[in-house]
Protein backbone atom coordinates (compact mmCIF):
# COMPACT_ATOMS: atom_id res chain seq x y z
CA UNK A 1 157.92 125.31 137.24
CA UNK A 2 157.06 123.39 134.09
CA UNK A 3 153.61 123.70 132.58
CA UNK A 4 151.96 121.70 129.81
CA UNK A 5 149.42 123.21 127.41
CA UNK A 6 147.33 120.37 126.00
CA UNK A 7 145.72 121.06 122.62
CA UNK A 8 143.26 118.25 122.06
CA UNK A 9 141.03 116.85 119.34
CA UNK A 10 138.74 114.52 121.27
CA UNK A 11 137.22 113.08 118.09
CA UNK A 12 140.48 112.09 116.42
CA UNK A 13 140.75 108.41 115.56
CA UNK A 14 137.06 107.96 116.41
CA UNK A 15 137.45 109.14 120.01
CA UNK A 16 141.03 107.93 120.53
CA UNK A 17 141.81 111.54 121.40
CA UNK A 18 139.37 111.46 124.31
CA UNK A 19 140.87 108.22 125.64
CA UNK A 20 144.42 109.55 125.32
CA UNK A 21 143.51 112.78 127.13
CA UNK A 22 142.08 110.86 130.07
CA UNK A 23 145.27 108.79 130.39
CA UNK A 24 147.61 111.78 129.96
CA UNK A 25 145.70 113.88 132.48
CA UNK A 26 145.98 111.10 135.06
CA UNK A 27 149.76 110.99 134.57
CA UNK A 28 150.07 114.78 134.79
CA UNK A 29 148.25 114.77 138.11
CA UNK A 30 150.41 111.93 139.41
CA UNK A 31 153.59 113.72 138.35
CA UNK A 32 152.31 117.01 139.83
CA UNK A 33 152.81 118.93 136.59
CA UNK A 34 150.82 122.10 135.99
CA UNK A 35 148.66 121.91 132.88
CA UNK A 36 145.68 123.31 131.07
CA UNK A 37 143.45 121.78 128.41
CA UNK A 38 142.10 123.41 125.28
CA UNK A 39 139.74 121.31 123.17
CA UNK A 40 138.83 121.93 119.55
CA UNK A 41 135.08 121.98 118.94
CA UNK A 42 135.06 122.46 115.17
CA UNK A 43 137.36 121.54 112.25
CA UNK A 44 140.43 123.77 112.05
CA UNK A 45 140.04 125.32 115.50
CA UNK A 46 143.44 124.11 116.70
CA UNK A 47 145.06 126.65 114.35
CA UNK A 48 143.87 129.75 116.27
CA UNK A 49 144.21 127.92 119.59
CA UNK A 50 147.87 127.14 118.86
CA UNK A 51 148.53 130.70 117.67
CA UNK A 52 147.06 132.18 120.85
CA UNK A 53 148.90 129.71 123.09
CA UNK A 54 152.27 130.33 121.42
CA UNK A 55 151.74 134.08 121.67
CA UNK A 56 151.18 133.82 125.42
CA UNK A 57 154.14 131.56 126.26
CA UNK A 58 157.06 133.64 127.50
CA UNK A 59 159.51 131.16 129.05
CA UNK A 60 161.28 127.88 128.32
CA UNK A 61 159.34 125.86 130.88
CA UNK A 62 155.97 125.82 129.15
CA UNK A 63 155.25 123.22 126.48
CA UNK A 64 152.58 122.86 123.83
CA UNK A 65 151.44 119.25 123.48
CA UNK A 66 149.07 118.17 120.71
CA UNK A 67 146.82 115.17 121.33
CA UNK A 68 145.15 113.97 118.15
CA UNK A 69 145.86 112.75 114.66
CA UNK A 70 148.10 113.98 111.87
CA UNK A 71 145.54 116.63 110.95
CA UNK A 72 145.59 117.97 114.52
CA UNK A 73 149.38 118.18 114.44
CA UNK A 74 149.16 119.99 111.11
CA UNK A 75 146.78 122.57 112.57
CA UNK A 76 148.95 123.18 115.63
CA UNK A 77 152.06 123.58 113.48
CA UNK A 78 150.34 126.12 111.23
CA UNK A 79 149.04 127.96 114.28
CA UNK A 80 152.49 128.20 115.83
CA UNK A 81 154.09 129.25 112.54
CA UNK A 82 151.52 132.07 112.32
CA UNK A 83 152.24 133.24 115.87
CA UNK A 84 154.61 135.86 117.27
CA UNK A 85 156.87 132.98 118.35
CA UNK A 86 157.10 130.60 115.36
CA UNK A 87 159.97 128.65 116.95
CA UNK A 88 157.88 127.59 119.94
CA UNK A 89 158.63 123.87 120.55
CA UNK A 90 155.80 121.45 119.86
CA UNK A 91 155.24 117.95 121.29
CA UNK A 92 152.83 115.40 119.90
CA UNK A 93 150.97 112.42 121.35
CA UNK A 94 149.53 110.42 118.43
CA UNK A 95 145.86 109.53 118.76
CA UNK A 96 144.62 109.40 115.18
CA UNK A 97 143.80 106.82 112.54
CA UNK A 98 146.92 106.87 110.37
CA UNK A 99 149.54 108.40 112.69
CA UNK A 100 152.06 108.56 109.84
CA UNK A 101 154.17 111.34 111.32
CA UNK A 102 154.47 109.44 114.60
CA UNK A 103 155.62 106.41 112.61
CA UNK A 104 158.24 108.43 110.74
CA UNK A 105 159.51 110.11 113.92
CA UNK A 106 159.32 106.89 115.98
CA UNK A 107 157.26 108.59 118.66
CA UNK A 108 156.25 107.30 122.06
CA UNK A 109 152.57 106.43 122.54
CA UNK A 110 152.80 105.40 126.19
CA UNK A 111 151.30 108.25 128.27
CA UNK A 112 153.51 107.65 131.31
CA UNK A 113 156.78 107.54 129.35
CA UNK A 114 155.65 110.48 127.21
CA UNK A 115 154.99 112.78 130.19
CA UNK A 116 158.05 111.63 132.14
CA UNK A 117 160.21 112.51 129.13
CA UNK A 118 158.76 116.03 129.03
CA UNK A 119 159.15 116.40 132.80
CA UNK A 120 162.68 115.05 133.20
CA UNK A 121 164.60 115.02 129.92
CA UNK A 122 162.89 117.09 127.22
CA UNK A 123 164.90 117.29 124.02
CA UNK A 124 164.18 119.92 121.38
CA UNK A 125 165.30 119.11 117.85
CA UNK A 126 164.79 120.62 114.41
CA UNK A 127 162.48 118.46 112.31
CA UNK A 128 161.71 119.07 108.65
CA UNK A 129 158.28 120.08 107.46
CA UNK A 130 156.98 121.21 104.10
CA UNK A 131 155.67 124.63 103.19
CA UNK A 132 153.61 125.33 100.11
CA UNK A 133 152.20 128.35 98.36
CA UNK A 134 149.17 127.96 96.10
CA UNK A 135 150.05 130.16 93.13
CA UNK A 136 146.38 130.26 92.06
CA UNK A 137 144.94 131.48 95.38
CA UNK A 138 147.92 132.82 97.32
CA UNK A 139 147.27 130.43 100.21
CA UNK A 140 150.35 129.38 102.20
CA UNK A 141 150.45 126.46 104.63
CA UNK A 142 152.79 123.96 106.26
CA UNK A 143 152.56 120.18 106.36
CA UNK A 144 154.22 117.44 108.41
CA UNK A 145 153.42 114.45 106.19
CA UNK A 146 152.57 115.15 102.59
CA UNK A 147 150.39 116.89 100.07
CA UNK A 148 148.92 114.45 97.59
CA UNK A 149 147.04 114.89 94.33
CA UNK A 150 145.14 112.10 92.60
CA UNK A 151 144.97 108.53 93.85
CA UNK A 152 145.94 108.99 97.52
CA UNK A 153 143.69 112.04 97.83
CA UNK A 154 140.82 110.07 96.28
CA UNK A 155 141.34 107.41 98.98
CA UNK A 156 141.41 110.08 101.72
CA UNK A 157 138.19 111.61 100.39
CA UNK A 158 136.34 108.30 100.36
CA UNK A 159 137.78 107.23 103.73
CA UNK A 160 136.82 110.46 105.48
CA UNK A 161 133.24 110.03 104.27
CA UNK A 162 133.07 106.32 105.05
CA UNK A 163 130.79 105.03 107.80
CA UNK A 164 133.16 102.07 108.12
CA UNK A 165 135.98 104.33 109.36
CA UNK A 166 134.23 104.99 112.67
CA UNK A 167 133.20 101.37 113.13
CA UNK A 168 136.66 100.01 112.30
CA UNK A 169 138.45 102.54 114.52
CA UNK A 170 136.43 101.36 117.50
CA UNK A 171 137.85 97.86 117.10
CA UNK A 172 141.37 99.08 116.25
CA UNK A 173 141.34 98.18 112.56
CA UNK A 174 140.82 101.69 111.24
CA UNK A 175 143.57 101.37 108.64
CA UNK A 176 141.52 98.65 106.93
CA UNK A 177 139.21 101.44 105.74
CA UNK A 178 142.04 102.75 103.56
CA UNK A 179 142.42 99.32 101.97
CA UNK A 180 138.74 99.11 101.12
CA UNK A 181 138.75 102.57 99.56
CA UNK A 182 141.85 101.78 97.50
CA UNK A 183 139.57 99.48 95.49
CA UNK A 184 137.19 102.39 94.84
CA UNK A 185 140.08 104.64 93.83
CA UNK A 186 141.40 102.05 91.37
CA UNK A 187 138.14 102.34 89.49
CA UNK A 188 137.34 106.00 90.07
CA UNK A 189 140.67 107.85 89.72
CA UNK A 190 141.56 108.74 86.12
CA UNK A 191 145.01 109.73 84.91
CA UNK A 192 145.87 113.40 84.49
CA UNK A 193 148.56 115.67 83.09
CA UNK A 194 151.07 117.23 85.47
CA UNK A 195 154.21 119.36 85.22
CA UNK A 196 156.96 119.13 87.84
CA UNK A 197 159.75 121.68 88.33
CA UNK A 198 162.68 121.03 90.66
CA UNK A 199 165.77 123.14 91.30
CA UNK A 200 167.37 121.86 88.11
CA UNK A 201 164.83 120.27 85.76
CA UNK A 202 161.29 120.33 84.35
CA UNK A 203 159.33 117.11 83.89
CA UNK A 204 155.94 116.49 82.26
CA UNK A 205 153.72 113.43 82.62
CA UNK A 206 150.53 112.92 80.62
CA UNK A 207 149.23 109.90 82.53
CA UNK A 208 149.88 110.71 86.18
CA UNK A 209 147.78 108.79 88.66
CA UNK A 210 149.32 109.87 91.95
CA UNK A 211 151.51 112.90 92.72
CA UNK A 212 152.67 113.17 96.32
CA UNK A 213 155.11 115.70 97.75
CA UNK A 214 156.24 114.20 101.02
CA UNK A 215 158.31 114.86 104.12
CA UNK A 216 158.78 111.20 105.07
CA UNK A 217 158.18 107.67 103.73
CA UNK A 218 154.56 107.06 104.73
CA UNK A 219 151.02 107.80 103.69
CA UNK A 220 147.63 106.17 104.19
CA UNK A 221 148.38 104.73 107.62
CA UNK A 222 151.83 103.25 107.14
CA UNK A 223 152.20 102.66 103.39
CA UNK A 224 155.91 103.34 102.62
CA UNK A 225 155.51 105.16 99.31
CA UNK A 226 159.05 106.63 99.45
CA UNK A 227 161.33 104.68 101.81
CA UNK A 228 164.25 107.06 101.18
CA UNK A 229 162.39 110.14 102.50
CA UNK A 230 163.60 111.45 105.85
CA UNK A 231 162.36 114.11 108.27
CA UNK A 232 165.92 115.18 109.09
CA UNK A 233 167.60 115.52 105.66
CA UNK A 234 166.36 119.05 104.82
CA UNK A 235 164.83 117.84 101.55
CA UNK A 236 161.36 117.18 100.20
CA UNK A 237 160.62 114.17 98.03
CA UNK A 238 158.04 113.86 95.29
CA UNK A 239 156.62 110.63 93.88
CA UNK A 240 154.77 110.45 90.57
CA UNK A 241 153.02 107.24 89.59
CA UNK A 242 151.69 106.84 86.05
CA UNK A 243 148.47 104.86 85.80
CA UNK A 244 149.11 101.13 85.43
CA UNK A 245 146.58 98.45 84.55
CA UNK A 246 145.02 96.54 87.45
CA UNK A 247 147.44 93.62 87.32
CA UNK A 248 150.43 95.96 87.22
CA UNK A 249 149.03 98.04 90.08
CA UNK A 250 148.60 95.00 92.29
CA UNK A 251 152.12 93.88 91.44
CA UNK A 252 153.52 97.34 92.24
CA UNK A 253 151.56 97.55 95.47
CA UNK A 254 152.82 94.16 96.63
CA UNK A 255 156.42 95.26 95.95
CA UNK A 256 155.77 98.49 97.83
CA UNK A 257 154.61 96.59 100.91
CA UNK A 258 157.27 93.88 100.73
CA UNK A 259 160.59 95.54 100.02
CA UNK A 260 160.30 98.96 98.39
CA UNK A 261 161.34 97.68 94.97
CA UNK A 262 158.35 99.47 93.42
CA UNK A 263 160.72 102.42 93.08
CA UNK A 264 162.46 100.64 90.18
CA UNK A 265 159.25 100.37 88.14
CA UNK A 266 159.01 102.39 84.92
CA UNK A 267 155.63 103.72 86.13
CA UNK A 268 157.21 105.15 89.28
CA UNK A 269 159.21 108.39 89.27
CA UNK A 270 160.68 110.27 92.23
CA UNK A 271 162.86 113.29 92.88
CA UNK A 272 164.44 114.94 95.89
CA UNK A 273 164.86 118.70 96.19
CA UNK A 274 164.48 121.60 98.61
CA UNK A 275 162.18 123.41 96.15
CA UNK A 276 159.51 121.78 93.98
CA UNK A 277 156.71 123.16 91.82
CA UNK A 278 153.66 121.13 90.77
CA UNK A 279 151.01 122.12 88.23
CA UNK A 280 147.94 120.18 87.10
CA UNK A 281 145.62 121.12 84.25
CA UNK A 282 142.30 119.75 85.44
CA UNK A 283 140.45 119.44 88.73
CA UNK A 284 141.71 116.62 90.96
CA UNK A 285 141.26 115.45 94.52
CA UNK A 286 143.87 116.77 96.94
CA UNK A 287 144.85 115.96 100.51
CA UNK A 288 147.06 117.67 103.07
CA UNK A 289 148.22 115.52 105.98
CA UNK A 290 145.17 113.32 105.56
CA UNK A 291 142.69 116.20 105.38
CA UNK A 292 140.74 116.91 102.21
CA UNK A 293 141.54 119.83 99.94
CA UNK A 294 138.84 121.11 97.63
CA UNK A 295 138.86 119.28 94.29
CA UNK A 296 140.46 121.74 91.89
CA UNK A 297 143.37 122.56 89.60
CA UNK A 298 146.65 122.87 91.47
CA UNK A 299 149.68 125.08 90.93
CA UNK A 300 151.80 124.73 94.04
CA UNK A 301 155.28 125.86 95.01
CA UNK A 302 156.92 123.76 97.75
CA UNK A 303 159.88 124.49 99.98
CA UNK A 304 161.41 122.53 102.83
CA UNK A 305 161.16 124.21 106.24
CA UNK A 306 161.57 123.04 109.83
CA UNK A 307 160.01 123.35 113.26
CA UNK A 308 161.13 122.88 116.85
CA UNK A 309 159.98 119.46 118.00
CA UNK A 310 159.95 118.23 121.58
CA UNK A 311 160.57 114.50 121.95
């Protein structure tokens, strides 16, 4: 008999997680599927919960389902990767603010269709993710979206500490918070020096403004920073933007939103590789799948990896 293990962040998307859980639980009862619920009560708790759950699953008829935002999915992935069964399939019901991974993977957000798919026709596929090692601290983690340094991380920092985020999420305009904080980042984020190593080349930029290593096109709630990125191509992509003046930035941003032609700008650089190394020389804001990293110097080694995804 099939059983669903729900790993839930009730607070994701300003309580969207709680609403989604209520709807999913009603469908599970209607479909007579066995399930249990494990709820995170503090930041990062889904990591050990996912590890424990994956360790205890011993057949192909039990499924881990994450209900939350991109950060919740990140935690569950890292928990499973740290478990005795790192290839345990993972399903995801998006209930966050940005939901960028769901956008890239074209995921279902209808509770009835989502559960019926798991019950009747579950499909497990290999999906790319990123893995990084911090060469300064030895820390190793996985990510489903991207790891950003500079501008996007500045926006994440300000957004996560914004009182408007909660208010806007309640009326379904949470992504507007990102737009407001972009204005703050334009003023507050300075350029910085960065060195990039790929499989074949070394690149240096003295006026970097944004450096994002990404698994798919989106960041910041649907902004297509790298339209060519793909969660199935077994590559990571990195975008480096050198600081433009305000007029140039607005022009670039409009092109980004309209047709992706920002990629032809001389301020925009991008590379694709299965191994990438990034080094900064001063403390900068960082973000991992929309969650803040401590402001610091970075020396990171990236590799493409994959996980078993149930969709």
